[in-house]
Amino acid sequence: MISYLDAGESHGNSLCAIIDGIPAGLEIDESFINHLLCLRQSGYGRGGRQKIEKDKIEILSGVRFGKTIGSPITLKIKNNDYENWQDIMAPFATYTNRKQITKPRPGHVDLAGYLKYNRNDLRDCLERSSARQTAIRVAVGAICELCLKEAGVEFYNFVSAIGKVKANVNYANLDEIKNSANNELFCPDKNALYEMKKTIDKAIENSDSLGGVAEVLISGAVAGIGSYKWDKKLDARLALATMSVQAIKAVSIGDGIENAFKYSSEVQDEIYYDFNSKEYRRYTNRLGGIEGGISNGENIVIKAFMKPIPTTRKGLRSIDVKTKETSVSVYERSDVCATSAASVVVRAAVAYEILNAYLEKFGGDCMSEFKRNVENYKEYLKTK
């Protein structure tokens, strides 16, 4: 099992994480981690913060000569904007003209956090809950991916909807999905991409924001990961991981949401045996690669439904928590649409859960042991 703890505020000195449990001997590719960090900062409709921050990972412990050594791995990402916020965010800031934020944004954690933690300044809540936190989470997920890649598991993130514009996605064409990372919204449908950008432009004109559907496809996961025991169900764990990402308000495994409105004959993935690969396969993949909480060997597909970002330039009706008078929510520098970035974050979040499920089943204190156990299991499956 692996675990991690992350820390840091949006405009604080840095974002940090400590990961424990990664097997020894894993080769760490810094360029891959930084590539995913760059993808997280990409996307049409992103805000001005991305022009300031150029996220780059710094590894402080747990890696020697480019490989993990079995001890906790410490990660750090510097916040470049901190130099403009030191008087506000330094741990022992002493300036006296501090302007408190007292007008909460509907849809954000501002008011709920203010009540829960008994703070006088909403910034104490919004700094930690900011999506800026996801930068370090992507770095953690990247290391999980590097480990799973050694076991033949690959991750792809993309966008299938922005607002009311939906893409036509061919889930069987992995090259098309993979290449979508090269366009401005990670959308595999070029016609939908054009309409999505127009929709975002309209939101900008109206000082509004947009959500969408961010997806992750996982290929190469073996059948038998997870359990039908309620707290070990793979789809439940992936749903938890996905819902923990900022602004995600619903999740679907495969066509889960659409399946609720169909007959069983239109939903279930019928089975055949592939004598060449010696595998049980499905003619379709409407259930997204998981049945009864256990992976079935098909691609795992996760759809994350992201609400529009709560921060808008025109503001929304709110109150001042000090005076209780009706007011308009404050504007914090923000994105207009961040669904493309959310797809990268969801990818990281589910990579962590997939690796934990793999380590639960196969164990291994070092990569050679882990990989040997996975390969032995794959050979076993061919005998069934």
Protein backbone atom coordinates (compact mmCIF):
# COMPACT_ATOMS: atom_id res chain seq x y z
CA MET A 1 0.00 0.00 0.00
CA ILE A 2 1.08 3.55 -0.67
CA SER A 3 -0.02 6.75 0.99
CA TYR A 4 0.78 10.41 0.67
CA LEU A 5 0.31 13.67 2.51
CA ASP A 6 0.38 16.98 0.68
CA ALA A 7 0.59 20.53 2.01
CA GLY A 8 0.75 24.11 0.81
CA GLU A 9 -1.47 27.08 0.04
CA SER A 10 -2.34 28.55 -3.34
CA HIS A 11 -0.18 31.66 -2.82
CA GLY A 12 2.15 30.20 -0.22
CA ASN A 13 5.83 29.43 -0.61
CA SER A 14 5.38 26.05 -2.27
CA LEU A 15 3.34 22.88 -2.63
CA CYS A 16 4.80 19.72 -1.09
CA ALA A 17 4.00 16.02 -0.78
CA ILE A 18 5.49 12.97 0.90
CA ILE A 19 4.73 9.58 -0.70
CA ASP A 20 5.31 6.40 1.26
CA GLY A 21 5.27 2.84 -0.07
CA ILE A 22 6.59 3.18 -3.62
CA PRO A 23 8.68 0.06 -4.33
CA ALA A 24 12.44 0.43 -4.50
CA GLY A 25 14.14 0.40 -7.86
CA LEU A 26 11.59 2.45 -9.80
CA GLU A 27 13.31 4.66 -12.34
CA ILE A 28 12.03 8.23 -11.94
CA ASP A 29 11.59 10.16 -15.17
CA GLU A 30 11.51 13.84 -14.17
CA SER A 31 10.65 14.87 -17.72
CA PHE A 32 7.46 12.76 -17.58
CA ILE A 33 6.40 14.36 -14.29
CA ASN A 34 7.09 17.83 -15.66
CA HIS A 35 5.22 16.97 -18.86
CA LEU A 36 2.07 16.18 -16.89
CA LEU A 37 2.55 19.33 -14.80
CA CYS A 38 2.72 21.30 -18.05
CA LEU A 39 -0.45 19.60 -19.35
CA ARG A 40 -2.25 20.58 -16.14
CA GLN A 41 -1.45 24.22 -16.86
CA SER A 42 -2.66 23.97 -20.45
CA GLY A 43 -6.07 24.41 -22.00
CA TYR A 44 -8.20 27.02 -23.71
CA GLY A 45 -9.94 29.21 -21.15
CA ARG A 46 -7.28 29.09 -18.45
CA GLY A 47 -6.58 32.17 -16.30
CA GLY A 48 -3.64 34.50 -15.76
CA ARG A 49 -2.06 32.38 -13.00
CA GLN A 50 -0.76 29.97 -15.62
CA LYS A 51 1.37 32.74 -17.13
CA ILE A 52 3.13 33.23 -13.80
CA GLU A 53 3.69 29.66 -12.67
CA LYS A 54 5.98 27.35 -14.64
CA ASP A 55 5.61 24.24 -12.53
CA LYS A 56 8.65 22.02 -12.20
CA ILE A 57 9.14 19.17 -9.79
CA GLU A 58 11.91 19.11 -7.19
CA ILE A 59 12.63 15.77 -5.52
CA LEU A 60 14.10 16.15 -2.03
CA SER A 61 14.28 12.56 -0.75
CA GLY A 62 13.61 8.92 -1.54
CA VAL A 63 15.41 8.90 -4.90
CA ARG A 64 19.10 8.20 -5.48
CA PHE A 65 20.89 7.95 -8.82
CA GLY A 66 17.52 8.32 -10.53
CA LYS A 67 15.79 5.40 -8.78
CA THR A 68 13.58 5.04 -5.72
CA ILE A 69 15.28 3.49 -2.70
CA GLY A 70 12.17 2.38 -0.77
CA SER A 71 12.04 5.31 1.65
CA PRO A 72 9.45 8.14 1.58
CA ILE A 73 9.69 10.40 -1.46
CA THR A 74 9.45 14.13 -0.82
CA LEU A 75 8.23 16.34 -3.67
CA LYS A 76 8.18 20.12 -3.94
CA ILE A 77 6.78 22.61 -6.46
CA LYS A 78 7.69 26.24 -5.93
CA ASN A 79 4.98 28.91 -6.21
CA ASN A 80 6.57 31.68 -8.26
CA ASP A 81 3.74 34.06 -7.34
CA TYR A 82 4.72 33.84 -3.65
CA GLU A 83 7.13 36.75 -4.02
CA ASN A 84 4.08 38.96 -4.69
CA TRP A 85 2.18 37.53 -1.72
CA GLN A 86 4.75 37.27 1.05
CA ASP A 87 3.22 40.13 3.04
CA ILE A 88 -0.10 38.30 2.93
CA MET A 89 0.82 34.62 3.07
CA ALA A 90 4.08 34.37 5.04
CA PRO A 91 3.56 32.19 8.16
CA PHE A 92 4.35 35.13 10.45
CA ALA A 93 3.25 38.06 8.31
CA THR A 94 2.90 41.18 10.45
CA TYR A 95 1.51 43.82 8.11
CA THR A 96 -1.35 45.82 9.58
CA ASN A 97 -3.36 46.93 6.52
CA ARG A 98 -4.64 43.47 5.77
CA LYS A 99 -7.87 43.51 3.79
CA GLN A 100 -10.00 40.59 4.86
CA ILE A 101 -12.18 38.69 2.39
CA THR A 102 -15.69 38.65 3.81
CA LYS A 103 -17.92 38.07 0.76
CA PRO A 104 -18.11 34.32 0.01
CA ARG A 105 -18.51 32.95 -3.52
CA PRO A 106 -21.56 30.69 -4.02
CA GLY A 107 -20.40 27.22 -5.05
CA HIS A 108 -16.98 27.60 -3.41
CA VAL A 109 -15.87 26.44 0.03
CA ASP A 110 -15.57 30.04 1.29
CA LEU A 111 -18.63 30.14 3.55
CA ALA A 112 -18.65 26.46 4.61
CA GLY A 113 -14.96 26.67 5.55
CA TYR A 114 -15.51 29.95 7.38
CA LEU A 115 -18.16 28.29 9.54
CA LYS A 116 -16.29 25.02 10.07
CA TYR A 117 -12.89 26.42 11.03
CA ASN A 118 -14.03 29.62 12.78
CA ARG A 119 -11.82 31.94 10.72
CA ASN A 120 -12.21 35.71 10.39
CA ASP A 121 -10.80 35.90 6.87
CA LEU A 122 -12.19 33.72 4.05
CA ARG A 123 -8.70 33.58 2.53
CA ASP A 124 -7.74 31.07 5.25
CA CYS A 125 -10.19 28.65 3.59
CA LEU A 126 -9.93 29.47 -0.11
CA GLU A 127 -6.11 29.27 -0.18
CA ARG A 128 -5.97 25.59 0.76
CA SER A 129 -9.09 24.55 -1.17
CA SER A 130 -7.87 26.23 -4.37
CA ALA A 131 -7.29 24.05 -7.42
CA ARG A 132 -3.67 25.20 -7.26
CA GLN A 133 -3.28 22.28 -4.84
CA THR A 134 -3.76 19.89 -7.74
CA ALA A 135 -0.27 20.64 -9.10
CA ILE A 136 1.39 18.53 -6.42
CA ARG A 137 -1.30 15.88 -6.78
CA VAL A 138 -0.43 15.54 -10.46
CA ALA A 139 3.22 14.98 -9.48
CA VAL A 140 2.19 12.21 -7.08
CA GLY A 141 0.02 10.61 -9.76
CA ALA A 142 2.86 10.80 -12.27
CA ILE A 143 5.08 8.68 -10.01
CA CYS A 144 2.23 6.18 -9.63
CA GLU A 145 1.94 6.06 -13.41
CA LEU A 146 5.65 5.40 -13.80
CA CYS A 147 5.28 2.40 -11.51
CA LEU A 148 2.20 1.07 -13.32
CA LYS A 149 3.80 1.58 -16.72
CA GLU A 150 6.33 -1.07 -15.70
CA ALA A 151 3.34 -3.43 -15.32
CA GLY A 152 1.91 -2.55 -18.74
CA VAL A 153 -0.76 -0.08 -17.58
CA GLU A 154 -1.19 3.17 -19.55
CA PHE A 155 -3.29 6.28 -18.83
CA TYR A 156 -4.96 8.68 -21.27
CA ASN A 157 -6.87 11.86 -20.36
CA PHE A 158 -9.19 13.82 -22.64
CA VAL A 159 -12.25 16.08 -22.72
CA SER A 160 -15.59 14.88 -24.10
CA ALA A 161 -17.80 17.89 -23.33
CA ILE A 162 -17.61 21.61 -22.60
CA GLY A 163 -20.91 23.14 -21.57
CA LYS A 164 -23.54 21.78 -23.98
CA VAL A 165 -21.01 20.86 -26.67
CA LYS A 166 -20.36 17.11 -26.71
CA ALA A 167 -17.59 15.32 -28.57
CA ASN A 168 -17.94 12.13 -30.58
CA VAL A 169 -15.35 9.84 -28.98
CA ASN A 170 -14.15 6.59 -30.54
CA TYR A 171 -12.97 4.71 -27.45
CA ALA A 172 -11.43 1.96 -29.57
CA ASN A 173 -9.04 4.42 -31.24
CA LEU A 174 -6.39 4.92 -28.56
CA ASP A 175 -4.12 6.81 -30.95
CA GLU A 176 -6.83 9.40 -31.56
CA ILE A 177 -7.41 9.78 -27.84
CA LYS A 178 -3.68 9.99 -27.12
CA ASN A 179 -3.13 12.61 -29.83
CA SER A 180 -5.87 14.81 -28.38
CA ALA A 181 -3.27 15.99 -25.84
CA ASN A 182 -1.79 18.02 -28.70
CA ASN A 183 -4.79 20.35 -29.09
CA GLU A 184 -5.99 23.21 -26.89
CA LEU A 185 -8.74 21.33 -25.07
CA PHE A 186 -7.54 17.69 -25.22
CA CYS A 187 -10.61 16.90 -27.31
CA PRO A 188 -10.39 13.93 -29.74
CA ASP A 189 -13.20 15.35 -31.93
CA LYS A 190 -11.91 18.25 -34.07
CA ASN A 191 -15.40 19.48 -34.99
CA ALA A 192 -16.44 19.57 -31.34
CA LEU A 193 -13.16 21.28 -30.45
CA TYR A 194 -14.05 24.25 -32.66
CA GLU A 195 -17.51 24.57 -31.08
CA MET A 196 -16.08 24.21 -27.57
CA LYS A 197 -13.72 27.13 -28.13
CA LYS A 198 -16.60 29.26 -29.41
CA THR A 199 -18.61 28.39 -26.29
CA ILE A 200 -15.70 29.39 -24.04
CA ASP A 201 -15.31 32.67 -25.94
CA LYS A 202 -18.98 33.40 -25.28
CA ALA A 203 -18.51 32.71 -21.57
CA ILE A 204 -15.58 35.14 -21.54
CA GLU A 205 -17.73 37.82 -23.19
CA ASN A 206 -20.43 37.26 -20.57
CA SER A 207 -17.96 37.27 -17.64
CA ASP A 208 -19.13 33.75 -16.86
CA SER A 209 -17.52 30.30 -16.57
CA LEU A 210 -18.10 26.79 -17.95
CA GLY A 211 -17.73 23.19 -16.82
CA GLY A 212 -17.65 20.00 -18.81
CA VAL A 213 -16.79 16.30 -18.84
CA ALA A 214 -13.19 15.19 -18.26
CA GLU A 215 -12.38 11.56 -19.01
CA VAL A 216 -9.60 9.10 -18.26
CA LEU A 217 -9.08 5.82 -20.11
CA ILE A 218 -6.83 3.17 -18.55
CA SER A 219 -5.51 0.43 -20.81
CA GLY A 220 -3.60 -2.70 -19.86
CA ALA A 221 -5.10 -3.24 -16.40
CA VAL A 222 -5.43 -6.97 -15.76
CA ALA A 223 -8.70 -8.67 -14.86
CA GLY A 224 -9.07 -9.26 -11.13
CA ILE A 225 -8.10 -5.91 -9.61
CA GLY A 226 -10.42 -4.77 -6.82
CA SER A 227 -13.02 -6.86 -4.99
CA TYR A 228 -16.75 -7.35 -4.58
CA LYS A 229 -16.24 -6.52 -0.88
CA TRP A 230 -17.94 -3.14 -0.49
CA ASP A 231 -14.95 -1.14 0.74
CA LYS A 232 -12.56 -2.68 -1.79
CA LYS A 233 -14.68 -2.24 -4.91
CA LEU A 234 -12.47 -0.74 -7.62
CA ASP A 235 -15.18 1.45 -9.12
CA ALA A 236 -16.07 2.80 -5.66
CA ARG A 237 -12.44 3.72 -5.00
CA LEU A 238 -12.09 5.35 -8.42
CA ALA A 239 -15.31 7.29 -7.82
CA LEU A 240 -13.98 8.53 -4.47
CA ALA A 241 -10.71 9.61 -6.06
CA THR A 242 -12.50 11.37 -8.91
CA MET A 243 -15.00 13.14 -6.66
CA SER A 244 -12.16 14.39 -4.48
CA VAL A 245 -10.93 16.59 -7.34
CA GLN A 246 -12.02 20.21 -7.07
CA ALA A 247 -15.29 21.10 -8.90
CA ILE A 248 -16.14 17.48 -9.81
CA LYS A 249 -19.78 16.89 -8.84
CA ALA A 250 -20.55 13.55 -10.51
CA VAL A 251 -18.71 10.52 -11.85
CA SER A 252 -19.58 7.73 -14.26
CA ILE A 253 -17.74 4.46 -14.86
CA GLY A 254 -18.14 3.77 -18.56
CA ASP A 255 -21.64 4.70 -19.69
CA GLY A 256 -22.91 4.46 -16.11
CA ILE A 257 -25.20 7.49 -16.20
CA GLU A 258 -26.66 6.73 -19.64
CA ASN A 259 -27.09 3.05 -18.72
CA ALA A 260 -29.60 3.94 -16.01
CA PHE A 261 -32.14 4.83 -18.73
CA LYS A 262 -31.77 1.67 -20.86
CA TYR A 263 -32.85 -1.98 -20.89
CA SER A 264 -30.39 -4.58 -19.64
CA SER A 265 -30.00 -5.99 -23.16
CA GLU A 266 -28.74 -2.56 -24.24
CA VAL A 267 -26.23 -2.28 -21.41
CA GLN A 268 -24.45 -5.51 -20.45
CA ASP A 269 -21.16 -6.35 -22.18
CA GLU A 270 -21.52 -9.81 -23.70
CA ILE A 271 -18.57 -12.20 -23.42
CA TYR A 272 -16.44 -14.22 -25.83
CA TYR A 273 -13.12 -16.06 -25.58
CA ASP A 274 -10.13 -14.96 -27.66
CA PHE A 275 -8.20 -18.16 -28.45
CA ASN A 276 -5.23 -16.20 -29.79
CA SER A 277 -4.57 -14.14 -26.67
CA LYS A 278 -6.18 -16.72 -24.34
CA GLU A 279 -8.36 -14.02 -22.75
CA TYR A 280 -12.01 -13.57 -21.92
CA ARG A 281 -13.16 -10.45 -23.77
CA ARG A 282 -16.30 -8.32 -24.15
CA TYR A 283 -17.96 -7.33 -27.43
CA THR A 284 -18.67 -3.88 -25.95
CA ASN A 285 -17.42 -1.88 -22.99
CA ARG A 286 -20.46 0.03 -21.75
CA LEU A 287 -19.64 -0.84 -18.13
CA GLY A 288 -16.23 0.77 -18.39
CA GLY A 289 -14.06 -2.25 -17.65
CA ILE A 290 -15.37 -3.02 -14.16
CA GLU A 291 -18.00 -5.58 -13.12
CA GLY A 292 -19.02 -6.18 -9.51
CA GLY A 293 -16.21 -3.96 -8.27
CA ILE A 294 -13.52 -5.97 -10.10
CA SER A 295 -11.65 -5.11 -13.31
CA ASN A 296 -12.58 -7.42 -16.19
CA GLY A 297 -9.59 -6.83 -18.47
CA GLU A 298 -11.22 -4.27 -20.75
CA ASN A 299 -10.20 -0.62 -20.80
CA ILE A 300 -11.29 1.22 -17.66
CA VAL A 301 -13.17 4.41 -18.53
CA ILE A 302 -13.90 7.14 -15.97
CA LYS A 303 -16.01 10.20 -16.74
CA ALA A 304 -15.81 13.18 -14.38
CA PHE A 305 -18.52 15.83 -14.55
CA MET A 306 -17.13 19.24 -13.65
CA LYS A 307 -19.34 22.13 -12.57
CA PRO A 308 -18.61 25.67 -13.85
CA ILE A 309 -15.93 27.36 -11.76
CA PRO A 310 -17.60 29.38 -8.94
CA THR A 311 -15.50 32.51 -9.51
CA THR A 312 -16.96 34.85 -12.14
CA ARG A 313 -15.96 38.40 -13.01
CA LYS A 314 -19.52 39.67 -12.72
CA GLY A 315 -19.98 38.07 -9.30
CA LEU A 316 -23.00 36.32 -7.81
CA ARG A 317 -25.45 37.32 -5.11
CA SER A 318 -23.97 36.74 -1.68
CA ILE A 319 -23.64 38.39 1.72
CA ASP A 320 -20.93 40.03 3.78
CA VAL A 321 -20.23 37.69 6.72
CA LYS A 322 -19.25 40.64 8.92
CA THR A 323 -22.26 42.89 8.32
CA LYS A 324 -24.74 40.23 7.10
CA GLU A 325 -25.73 42.68 4.37
CA THR A 326 -26.58 41.55 0.84
CA SER A 327 -23.58 41.86 -1.44
CA VAL A 328 -21.86 40.44 -4.53
CA SER A 329 -19.18 37.76 -4.29
CA VAL A 330 -15.57 38.85 -4.71
CA TYR A 331 -13.51 38.01 -7.80
CA GLU A 332 -10.36 35.99 -7.28
CA ARG A 333 -8.13 35.53 -10.32
CA SER A 334 -9.48 32.40 -11.94
CA ASP A 335 -10.08 30.34 -15.08
CA VAL A 336 -13.10 30.56 -17.34
CA CYS A 337 -12.93 26.85 -18.14
CA ALA A 338 -10.52 24.29 -16.65
CA THR A 339 -12.00 20.98 -17.80
CA SER A 340 -8.87 20.14 -19.76
CA ALA A 341 -6.76 20.66 -16.63
CA ALA A 342 -9.27 18.62 -14.61
CA SER A 343 -8.74 15.65 -16.93
CA VAL A 344 -5.04 15.65 -16.00
CA VAL A 345 -5.85 15.87 -12.28
CA VAL A 346 -8.41 13.06 -12.45
CA ARG A 347 -5.80 11.00 -14.29
CA ALA A 348 -3.43 11.51 -11.37
CA ALA A 349 -6.08 10.80 -8.75
CA VAL A 350 -7.12 7.48 -10.29
CA ALA A 351 -3.50 6.44 -10.99
CA TYR A 352 -2.94 6.54 -7.23
CA GLU A 353 -5.93 4.24 -6.64
CA ILE A 354 -5.00 1.82 -9.43
CA LEU A 355 -1.46 1.49 -8.08
CA ASN A 356 -2.78 0.82 -4.58
CA ALA A 357 -5.07 -1.88 -5.95
CA TYR A 358 -2.14 -3.43 -7.82
CA LEU A 359 0.11 -3.38 -4.77
CA GLU A 360 -2.63 -4.92 -2.63
CA LYS A 361 -2.88 -7.85 -5.02
CA PHE A 362 0.75 -8.28 -6.09
CA GLY A 363 2.83 -6.72 -3.32
CA GLY A 364 6.55 -6.23 -3.71
CA ASP A 365 9.10 -4.17 -1.82
CA CYS A 366 11.09 -3.66 -5.00
CA MET A 367 10.16 -3.26 -8.66
CA SER A 368 11.64 -6.60 -9.78
CA GLU A 369 9.47 -8.45 -7.25
CA PHE A 370 6.39 -6.41 -8.15
CA LYS A 371 6.82 -6.97 -11.91
CA ARG A 372 7.54 -10.69 -11.44
CA ASN A 373 4.32 -11.12 -9.46
CA VAL A 374 2.30 -9.29 -12.13
CA GLU A 375 3.78 -11.39 -14.95
CA ASN A 376 3.14 -14.64 -13.06
CA TYR A 377 -0.49 -13.61 -12.62
CA LYS A 378 -0.85 -12.83 -16.33
CA GLU A 379 0.40 -16.32 -17.13
CA TYR A 380 -2.06 -17.78 -14.63
CA LEU A 381 -4.96 -15.99 -16.35
CA LYS A 382 -4.13 -17.74 -19.63
CA THR A 383 -4.77 -21.11 -17.96
CA LYS A 384 -8.32 -20.29 -16.89
